[in-house]
N, C-alpha and C. Protein backbone atom coordinates (compact mmCIF):
# COMPACT_ATOMS: atom_id res chain seq x y z
N MET A 1 0.83 -1.18 0.00
CA MET A 1 0.00 0.00 0.00
C MET A 1 0.88 1.24 0.00
N SER A 2 0.41 2.25 -0.67
CA SER A 2 1.11 3.52 -0.75
C SER A 2 0.61 4.45 0.35
N SER A 3 1.34 5.53 0.56
CA SER A 3 0.90 6.55 1.52
C SER A 3 0.75 7.87 0.79
N LEU A 4 -0.21 8.67 1.24
CA LEU A 4 -0.53 9.95 0.64
C LEU A 4 -0.19 11.06 1.61
N LEU A 5 0.46 12.12 1.09
CA LEU A 5 0.69 13.35 1.84
C LEU A 5 0.22 14.48 0.94
N ILE A 6 -0.60 15.35 1.48
CA ILE A 6 -1.13 16.48 0.70
C ILE A 6 -0.61 17.77 1.31
N GLY A 7 -0.06 18.62 0.46
CA GLY A 7 0.39 19.93 0.89
C GLY A 7 -0.32 20.99 0.07
N THR A 8 -0.40 22.19 0.62
CA THR A 8 -0.97 23.31 -0.11
C THR A 8 -0.05 24.50 0.09
N CYS A 9 0.14 25.25 -0.97
CA CYS A 9 1.04 26.38 -0.87
C CYS A 9 0.84 27.29 -2.08
N PRO A 10 1.14 28.57 -1.95
CA PRO A 10 1.06 29.46 -3.11
C PRO A 10 2.03 29.01 -4.19
N GLY A 11 1.69 29.36 -5.42
CA GLY A 11 2.54 29.05 -6.56
C GLY A 11 3.65 30.07 -6.71
N ARG A 12 4.05 30.27 -7.94
CA ARG A 12 5.12 31.24 -8.25
C ARG A 12 4.73 32.62 -7.73
N PRO A 13 5.70 33.50 -7.54
CA PRO A 13 5.39 34.84 -7.02
C PRO A 13 4.32 35.58 -7.81
N GLU A 14 4.28 35.41 -9.13
CA GLU A 14 3.26 36.12 -9.93
C GLU A 14 1.89 35.44 -9.85
N CYS A 15 1.82 34.29 -9.24
CA CYS A 15 0.57 33.55 -9.13
C CYS A 15 0.00 33.74 -7.72
N VAL A 16 -1.25 34.16 -7.64
CA VAL A 16 -1.86 34.41 -6.34
C VAL A 16 -2.64 33.21 -5.83
N ALA A 17 -2.75 32.16 -6.63
CA ALA A 17 -3.54 30.99 -6.25
C ALA A 17 -2.80 30.11 -5.26
N VAL A 18 -3.56 29.33 -4.50
CA VAL A 18 -2.99 28.29 -3.65
C VAL A 18 -3.17 26.98 -4.40
N HIS A 19 -2.12 26.16 -4.43
CA HIS A 19 -2.12 24.92 -5.19
C HIS A 19 -2.08 23.71 -4.26
N THR A 20 -2.60 22.60 -4.76
CA THR A 20 -2.56 21.33 -4.04
C THR A 20 -1.36 20.54 -4.54
N TYR A 21 -0.60 19.99 -3.60
CA TYR A 21 0.54 19.13 -3.91
C TYR A 21 0.23 17.74 -3.41
N LEU A 22 0.28 16.76 -4.32
CA LEU A 22 -0.06 15.38 -3.99
C LEU A 22 1.20 14.53 -4.01
N PHE A 23 1.62 14.07 -2.83
CA PHE A 23 2.80 13.23 -2.71
C PHE A 23 2.37 11.80 -2.44
N VAL A 24 2.78 10.89 -3.31
CA VAL A 24 2.51 9.47 -3.12
C VAL A 24 3.85 8.80 -2.84
N ASP A 25 3.96 8.20 -1.68
CA ASP A 25 5.22 7.57 -1.25
C ASP A 25 6.39 8.54 -1.38
N GLY A 26 6.13 9.82 -1.06
CA GLY A 26 7.18 10.84 -1.08
C GLY A 26 7.46 11.44 -2.44
N LEU A 27 6.75 11.03 -3.49
CA LEU A 27 6.98 11.54 -4.83
C LEU A 27 5.86 12.49 -5.23
N ASP A 28 6.22 13.64 -5.76
CA ASP A 28 5.26 14.65 -6.19
C ASP A 28 4.63 14.19 -7.50
N VAL A 29 3.39 13.74 -7.44
CA VAL A 29 2.70 13.18 -8.60
C VAL A 29 2.56 14.20 -9.72
N VAL A 30 2.20 15.43 -9.40
CA VAL A 30 1.99 16.45 -10.42
C VAL A 30 3.31 16.82 -11.10
N ALA A 31 4.33 17.15 -10.35
CA ALA A 31 5.62 17.56 -10.93
C ALA A 31 6.24 16.44 -11.75
N ARG A 32 6.11 15.20 -11.28
CA ARG A 32 6.67 14.08 -12.02
C ARG A 32 5.86 13.72 -13.25
N SER A 33 4.58 14.03 -13.23
CA SER A 33 3.73 13.75 -14.40
C SER A 33 3.96 14.78 -15.50
N ASP A 34 4.05 16.05 -15.12
CA ASP A 34 4.24 17.13 -16.09
C ASP A 34 4.66 18.38 -15.32
N SER A 35 5.92 18.78 -15.46
CA SER A 35 6.45 19.89 -14.66
C SER A 35 5.83 21.24 -15.02
N ARG A 36 5.06 21.32 -16.10
CA ARG A 36 4.38 22.58 -16.45
C ARG A 36 3.09 22.76 -15.66
N MET A 37 2.67 21.72 -14.94
CA MET A 37 1.39 21.72 -14.26
C MET A 37 1.52 22.24 -12.83
N ALA A 38 0.39 22.73 -12.32
CA ALA A 38 0.28 23.12 -10.91
C ALA A 38 -1.03 22.53 -10.39
N GLY A 39 -1.00 22.03 -9.16
CA GLY A 39 -2.20 21.45 -8.57
C GLY A 39 -3.33 22.46 -8.47
N LEU A 40 -4.55 21.97 -8.61
CA LEU A 40 -5.72 22.84 -8.55
C LEU A 40 -6.00 23.28 -7.12
N ASP A 41 -6.95 24.17 -6.97
CA ASP A 41 -7.31 24.76 -5.68
C ASP A 41 -7.70 23.67 -4.68
N PRO A 42 -7.07 23.65 -3.52
CA PRO A 42 -7.38 22.62 -2.53
C PRO A 42 -8.80 22.70 -1.98
N ARG A 43 -9.39 23.89 -1.97
CA ARG A 43 -10.77 23.99 -1.49
C ARG A 43 -11.73 23.22 -2.39
N ARG A 44 -11.38 23.11 -3.66
CA ARG A 44 -12.19 22.35 -4.60
C ARG A 44 -11.89 20.86 -4.52
N LEU A 45 -10.61 20.51 -4.49
CA LEU A 45 -10.22 19.09 -4.51
C LEU A 45 -10.48 18.37 -3.20
N LEU A 46 -10.30 19.06 -2.08
CA LEU A 46 -10.28 18.40 -0.77
C LEU A 46 -11.57 18.53 0.03
N ARG A 47 -12.51 19.32 -0.43
CA ARG A 47 -13.73 19.56 0.35
C ARG A 47 -14.43 18.23 0.67
N PRO A 48 -15.17 18.18 1.76
CA PRO A 48 -15.90 16.96 2.12
C PRO A 48 -16.83 16.53 0.97
N GLY A 49 -16.71 15.28 0.58
CA GLY A 49 -17.49 14.76 -0.53
C GLY A 49 -17.01 15.23 -1.89
N GLY A 50 -15.87 15.92 -1.93
CA GLY A 50 -15.33 16.49 -3.17
C GLY A 50 -14.75 15.44 -4.10
N PRO A 51 -14.12 15.90 -5.17
CA PRO A 51 -13.68 15.01 -6.24
C PRO A 51 -12.69 13.93 -5.82
N LEU A 52 -11.82 14.21 -4.85
CA LEU A 52 -10.85 13.18 -4.44
C LEU A 52 -11.44 12.12 -3.52
N HIS A 53 -12.66 12.33 -3.06
CA HIS A 53 -13.27 11.32 -2.20
C HIS A 53 -13.68 10.13 -3.04
N PRO A 54 -13.32 8.94 -2.58
CA PRO A 54 -13.58 7.73 -3.38
C PRO A 54 -15.03 7.27 -3.31
N ALA A 55 -15.43 6.55 -4.35
CA ALA A 55 -16.76 5.94 -4.40
C ALA A 55 -16.59 4.59 -5.10
N ASP A 56 -17.59 3.73 -4.94
CA ASP A 56 -17.53 2.42 -5.60
C ASP A 56 -17.42 2.56 -7.11
N MET A 57 -18.08 3.57 -7.65
CA MET A 57 -18.03 3.82 -9.10
C MET A 57 -16.80 4.69 -9.40
N PRO A 58 -15.90 4.23 -10.28
CA PRO A 58 -14.72 5.04 -10.62
C PRO A 58 -15.13 6.38 -11.23
N HIS A 59 -14.35 7.43 -10.94
CA HIS A 59 -14.60 8.73 -11.54
C HIS A 59 -13.28 9.44 -11.81
N GLU A 60 -13.27 10.25 -12.88
CA GLU A 60 -12.10 11.02 -13.28
C GLU A 60 -12.04 12.30 -12.45
N VAL A 61 -10.84 12.65 -12.01
CA VAL A 61 -10.65 13.87 -11.24
C VAL A 61 -9.51 14.67 -11.86
N GLU A 62 -9.79 15.90 -12.25
CA GLU A 62 -8.73 16.80 -12.69
C GLU A 62 -8.02 17.29 -11.44
N VAL A 63 -6.71 17.06 -11.36
CA VAL A 63 -5.96 17.46 -10.17
C VAL A 63 -4.98 18.60 -10.44
N ALA A 64 -4.68 18.87 -11.72
CA ALA A 64 -3.71 19.92 -12.04
C ALA A 64 -3.99 20.47 -13.43
N ALA A 65 -3.48 21.69 -13.66
CA ALA A 65 -3.60 22.35 -14.95
C ALA A 65 -2.29 23.07 -15.24
N GLU A 66 -2.07 23.37 -16.52
CA GLU A 66 -0.89 24.15 -16.87
C GLU A 66 -0.97 25.50 -16.18
N GLU A 67 0.16 25.92 -15.64
CA GLU A 67 0.22 27.22 -14.96
C GLU A 67 0.94 28.18 -15.89
N GLN A 68 0.24 29.27 -16.30
CA GLN A 68 0.86 30.14 -17.30
C GLN A 68 1.13 31.53 -16.77
N PRO A 69 0.31 32.45 -16.48
CA PRO A 69 -0.10 32.79 -15.14
C PRO A 69 -1.52 32.38 -14.83
N GLU A 70 -2.33 32.09 -15.81
CA GLU A 70 -3.68 31.57 -15.58
C GLU A 70 -3.65 30.10 -15.98
N PRO A 71 -4.52 29.29 -15.39
CA PRO A 71 -4.55 27.89 -15.80
C PRO A 71 -4.77 27.77 -17.31
N GLY A 72 -3.93 26.96 -17.96
CA GLY A 72 -4.01 26.76 -19.40
C GLY A 72 -4.88 25.58 -19.77
N PRO A 73 -4.83 25.20 -21.05
CA PRO A 73 -5.70 24.14 -21.54
C PRO A 73 -5.28 22.74 -21.10
N GLY A 74 -3.99 22.53 -20.83
CA GLY A 74 -3.52 21.21 -20.42
C GLY A 74 -4.03 20.84 -19.04
N ARG A 75 -4.44 19.61 -18.87
CA ARG A 75 -4.97 19.13 -17.58
C ARG A 75 -4.34 17.79 -17.23
N LEU A 76 -4.25 17.52 -15.94
CA LEU A 76 -3.80 16.23 -15.45
C LEU A 76 -4.95 15.61 -14.67
N SER A 77 -5.38 14.44 -15.10
CA SER A 77 -6.50 13.77 -14.45
C SER A 77 -6.07 12.41 -13.94
N ILE A 78 -6.74 11.97 -12.88
CA ILE A 78 -6.55 10.63 -12.36
C ILE A 78 -7.93 9.98 -12.21
N ARG A 79 -7.96 8.69 -12.15
CA ARG A 79 -9.21 7.96 -11.92
C ARG A 79 -9.18 7.47 -10.48
N VAL A 80 -10.23 7.78 -9.72
CA VAL A 80 -10.32 7.43 -8.30
C VAL A 80 -11.46 6.43 -8.12
N ARG A 81 -11.19 5.36 -7.38
CA ARG A 81 -12.26 4.41 -7.08
C ARG A 81 -11.99 3.75 -5.74
N LEU A 82 -13.04 3.21 -5.17
CA LEU A 82 -12.98 2.51 -3.89
C LEU A 82 -13.27 1.04 -4.13
N ARG A 83 -12.39 0.19 -3.62
CA ARG A 83 -12.61 -1.25 -3.68
C ARG A 83 -12.42 -1.79 -2.26
N GLY A 84 -13.52 -2.09 -1.61
CA GLY A 84 -13.46 -2.54 -0.22
C GLY A 84 -12.94 -1.41 0.66
N ARG A 85 -11.83 -1.65 1.36
CA ARG A 85 -11.19 -0.64 2.23
C ARG A 85 -9.94 -0.06 1.57
N THR A 86 -9.89 -0.15 0.23
CA THR A 86 -8.73 0.33 -0.53
C THR A 86 -9.16 1.38 -1.54
N VAL A 87 -8.43 2.52 -1.56
CA VAL A 87 -8.65 3.56 -2.55
C VAL A 87 -7.61 3.34 -3.65
N ILE A 88 -8.07 3.35 -4.90
CA ILE A 88 -7.19 3.10 -6.03
C ILE A 88 -7.17 4.33 -6.93
N TRP A 89 -5.95 4.81 -7.23
CA TRP A 89 -5.76 5.84 -8.23
C TRP A 89 -5.19 5.14 -9.45
N SER A 90 -5.82 5.33 -10.60
CA SER A 90 -5.29 4.76 -11.83
C SER A 90 -5.25 5.84 -12.90
N GLY A 91 -4.72 5.49 -14.05
CA GLY A 91 -4.57 6.48 -15.11
C GLY A 91 -3.37 7.37 -14.88
N LEU A 92 -2.47 6.94 -14.01
CA LEU A 92 -1.27 7.71 -13.70
C LEU A 92 -0.18 7.40 -14.72
N GLN A 93 0.78 8.27 -14.84
CA GLN A 93 1.92 8.03 -15.72
C GLN A 93 3.05 8.93 -15.27
N TYR A 94 3.77 8.51 -14.22
CA TYR A 94 4.92 9.28 -13.75
C TYR A 94 6.03 8.31 -13.36
N PRO A 95 7.28 8.76 -13.40
CA PRO A 95 8.39 7.85 -13.06
C PRO A 95 8.49 7.64 -11.55
N GLY A 96 8.59 6.40 -11.14
CA GLY A 96 8.79 6.06 -9.74
C GLY A 96 10.25 6.20 -9.36
N ASP A 97 10.58 5.87 -8.11
CA ASP A 97 11.97 5.93 -7.65
C ASP A 97 12.90 5.08 -8.50
N ASP A 98 12.38 3.98 -9.01
CA ASP A 98 13.20 3.06 -9.81
C ASP A 98 13.23 3.43 -11.29
N GLY A 99 12.57 4.51 -11.67
CA GLY A 99 12.55 4.95 -13.06
C GLY A 99 11.44 4.31 -13.89
N LYS A 100 10.79 3.31 -13.36
CA LYS A 100 9.69 2.67 -14.08
C LYS A 100 8.41 3.49 -13.92
N ALA A 101 7.55 3.41 -14.93
CA ALA A 101 6.31 4.18 -14.90
C ALA A 101 5.37 3.67 -13.81
N VAL A 102 4.83 4.59 -13.04
CA VAL A 102 3.80 4.27 -12.05
C VAL A 102 2.46 4.55 -12.72
N GLU A 103 1.63 3.52 -12.83
CA GLU A 103 0.34 3.66 -13.51
C GLU A 103 -0.84 3.55 -12.55
N GLU A 104 -0.61 2.95 -11.37
CA GLU A 104 -1.69 2.77 -10.40
C GLU A 104 -1.08 2.74 -9.00
N VAL A 105 -1.79 3.34 -8.05
CA VAL A 105 -1.38 3.27 -6.64
C VAL A 105 -2.60 2.95 -5.80
N ARG A 106 -2.36 2.33 -4.65
CA ARG A 106 -3.43 1.94 -3.74
C ARG A 106 -3.13 2.47 -2.35
N PHE A 107 -4.19 2.93 -1.67
CA PHE A 107 -4.07 3.49 -0.33
C PHE A 107 -5.04 2.78 0.60
N ARG A 108 -4.66 2.69 1.87
CA ARG A 108 -5.62 2.26 2.89
C ARG A 108 -6.64 3.37 3.05
N LEU A 109 -7.91 3.01 3.08
CA LEU A 109 -8.98 3.99 3.14
C LEU A 109 -8.82 4.95 4.31
N GLU A 110 -8.48 4.45 5.48
CA GLU A 110 -8.37 5.29 6.68
C GLU A 110 -7.27 6.33 6.52
N GLN A 111 -6.10 5.93 6.02
CA GLN A 111 -5.00 6.86 5.84
C GLN A 111 -5.35 7.91 4.80
N TYR A 112 -5.94 7.48 3.72
CA TYR A 112 -6.31 8.36 2.61
C TYR A 112 -7.31 9.43 3.06
N LEU A 113 -8.41 9.01 3.66
CA LEU A 113 -9.43 9.97 4.11
C LEU A 113 -8.89 10.87 5.22
N GLY A 114 -8.08 10.30 6.11
CA GLY A 114 -7.49 11.10 7.18
C GLY A 114 -6.59 12.20 6.64
N GLU A 115 -5.83 11.89 5.59
CA GLU A 115 -4.93 12.90 5.01
C GLU A 115 -5.73 13.98 4.28
N ILE A 116 -6.77 13.61 3.58
CA ILE A 116 -7.62 14.61 2.92
C ILE A 116 -8.25 15.53 3.96
N GLU A 117 -8.78 14.95 5.03
CA GLU A 117 -9.40 15.75 6.09
C GLU A 117 -8.39 16.67 6.76
N ARG A 118 -7.19 16.17 7.04
CA ARG A 118 -6.14 16.98 7.67
C ARG A 118 -5.78 18.17 6.78
N ALA A 119 -5.53 17.90 5.50
CA ALA A 119 -5.13 18.96 4.58
C ALA A 119 -6.24 19.99 4.39
N TYR A 120 -7.48 19.53 4.31
CA TYR A 120 -8.61 20.45 4.17
C TYR A 120 -8.74 21.35 5.40
N ALA A 121 -8.54 20.78 6.57
CA ALA A 121 -8.62 21.56 7.81
C ALA A 121 -7.54 22.65 7.82
N VAL A 122 -6.36 22.35 7.35
CA VAL A 122 -5.28 23.33 7.28
C VAL A 122 -5.67 24.47 6.33
N VAL A 123 -6.21 24.11 5.18
CA VAL A 123 -6.59 25.11 4.18
C VAL A 123 -7.70 26.01 4.71
N THR A 124 -8.73 25.41 5.29
CA THR A 124 -9.86 26.21 5.75
C THR A 124 -9.50 27.07 6.96
N ALA A 125 -8.42 26.70 7.66
CA ALA A 125 -7.95 27.52 8.77
C ALA A 125 -7.06 28.66 8.27
N GLY A 126 -6.79 28.66 6.94
CA GLY A 126 -5.99 29.73 6.35
C GLY A 126 -4.50 29.58 6.54
N ARG A 127 -4.04 28.35 6.78
CA ARG A 127 -2.61 28.12 6.99
C ARG A 127 -2.08 27.20 5.90
N PRO A 128 -1.47 27.72 4.82
CA PRO A 128 -0.88 26.85 3.82
C PRO A 128 0.16 25.94 4.47
N SER A 129 0.21 24.69 4.05
CA SER A 129 1.13 23.72 4.67
C SER A 129 2.44 23.66 3.90
N CYS A 130 3.04 24.82 3.64
CA CYS A 130 4.27 24.87 2.87
C CYS A 130 5.39 24.07 3.52
N GLY A 131 5.46 24.05 4.83
CA GLY A 131 6.51 23.29 5.51
C GLY A 131 6.42 21.81 5.22
N ALA A 132 5.20 21.26 5.20
CA ALA A 132 5.03 19.84 4.89
C ALA A 132 5.44 19.57 3.46
N VAL A 133 5.12 20.48 2.55
CA VAL A 133 5.50 20.30 1.16
C VAL A 133 7.01 20.36 1.03
N THR A 134 7.64 21.32 1.70
CA THR A 134 9.09 21.44 1.62
C THR A 134 9.77 20.19 2.14
N ALA A 135 9.34 19.68 3.28
CA ALA A 135 9.97 18.49 3.85
C ALA A 135 9.77 17.27 2.97
N ALA A 136 8.56 17.08 2.47
CA ALA A 136 8.28 15.90 1.64
C ALA A 136 8.93 16.02 0.28
N GLY A 137 8.99 17.23 -0.26
CA GLY A 137 9.46 17.40 -1.62
C GLY A 137 10.94 17.68 -1.77
N ALA A 138 11.65 17.85 -0.68
CA ALA A 138 13.06 18.24 -0.76
C ALA A 138 13.88 17.28 -1.61
N ARG A 139 13.64 15.99 -1.51
CA ARG A 139 14.43 15.04 -2.28
C ARG A 139 14.01 14.99 -3.74
N LEU A 140 12.95 15.70 -4.11
CA LEU A 140 12.42 15.64 -5.46
C LEU A 140 12.91 16.78 -6.34
N LEU A 141 13.66 17.71 -5.79
CA LEU A 141 14.04 18.90 -6.55
C LEU A 141 14.70 18.59 -7.89
N PRO A 142 15.55 17.57 -8.02
CA PRO A 142 16.17 17.34 -9.32
C PRO A 142 15.18 16.99 -10.43
N VAL A 143 13.98 16.52 -10.12
CA VAL A 143 13.04 16.13 -11.18
C VAL A 143 12.26 17.32 -11.73
N VAL A 144 12.33 18.48 -11.12
CA VAL A 144 11.62 19.65 -11.62
C VAL A 144 12.49 20.29 -12.69
N SER A 145 11.94 20.46 -13.90
CA SER A 145 12.72 20.98 -15.01
C SER A 145 13.02 22.46 -14.81
N SER A 146 13.98 22.96 -15.58
CA SER A 146 14.34 24.37 -15.46
C SER A 146 13.21 25.27 -15.95
N THR A 147 12.29 24.74 -16.76
CA THR A 147 11.16 25.54 -17.21
C THR A 147 9.97 25.41 -16.28
N GLY A 148 10.07 24.53 -15.29
CA GLY A 148 8.98 24.30 -14.35
C GLY A 148 9.02 25.30 -13.22
N PRO A 149 8.26 25.01 -12.17
CA PRO A 149 8.22 25.91 -11.03
C PRO A 149 9.59 26.05 -10.38
N PRO A 150 9.85 27.14 -9.68
CA PRO A 150 11.13 27.30 -9.01
C PRO A 150 11.30 26.24 -7.93
N ALA A 151 12.53 26.05 -7.53
CA ALA A 151 12.83 25.05 -6.50
C ALA A 151 12.05 25.36 -5.22
N VAL A 152 11.78 24.34 -4.45
CA VAL A 152 10.95 24.47 -3.25
C VAL A 152 11.47 25.54 -2.29
N PRO A 153 12.76 25.58 -1.94
CA PRO A 153 13.19 26.60 -0.98
C PRO A 153 12.94 28.03 -1.48
N ASP A 154 13.11 28.32 -2.79
CA ASP A 154 12.86 29.65 -3.31
C ASP A 154 11.38 30.00 -3.22
N ARG A 155 10.53 29.01 -3.48
CA ARG A 155 9.09 29.26 -3.53
C ARG A 155 8.54 29.57 -2.15
N TRP A 156 9.09 28.94 -1.11
CA TRP A 156 8.47 29.04 0.21
C TRP A 156 9.39 29.63 1.26
N SER A 157 10.39 30.38 0.84
CA SER A 157 11.29 30.94 1.84
C SER A 157 10.71 32.19 2.45
């Protein structure tokens, strides 16, 4: 089973939006999928009963869009479904630690829902969780292209 960590933080200095960062087993899914993308608004993605909440019927969830200064036409979507006490994300395509493509991940339902609730509580309290993103994403800096977002320490210093 994989583990999920969700962070929220402002984007580039010219961007006033708050973005959602989805880390699966310590890897930034959005940055590894497409470094031009930025996670969508956490109030939309993480709200109770919102798009990231699993259901027996699989559903597509847009989790990121091209950041230009306004969201562009490119989108990153995942398929979310619930099977028993397991949440499954499929339709993924990012390099794992071993360099092989990650196409599907599975989470324990309790950990998954707990992390969504925790991250949503942080957002609604008005406290971006930039520190959690920095700690989780620090080892990922080499995978962000030079045309992508600035390195984590510059973004959140």
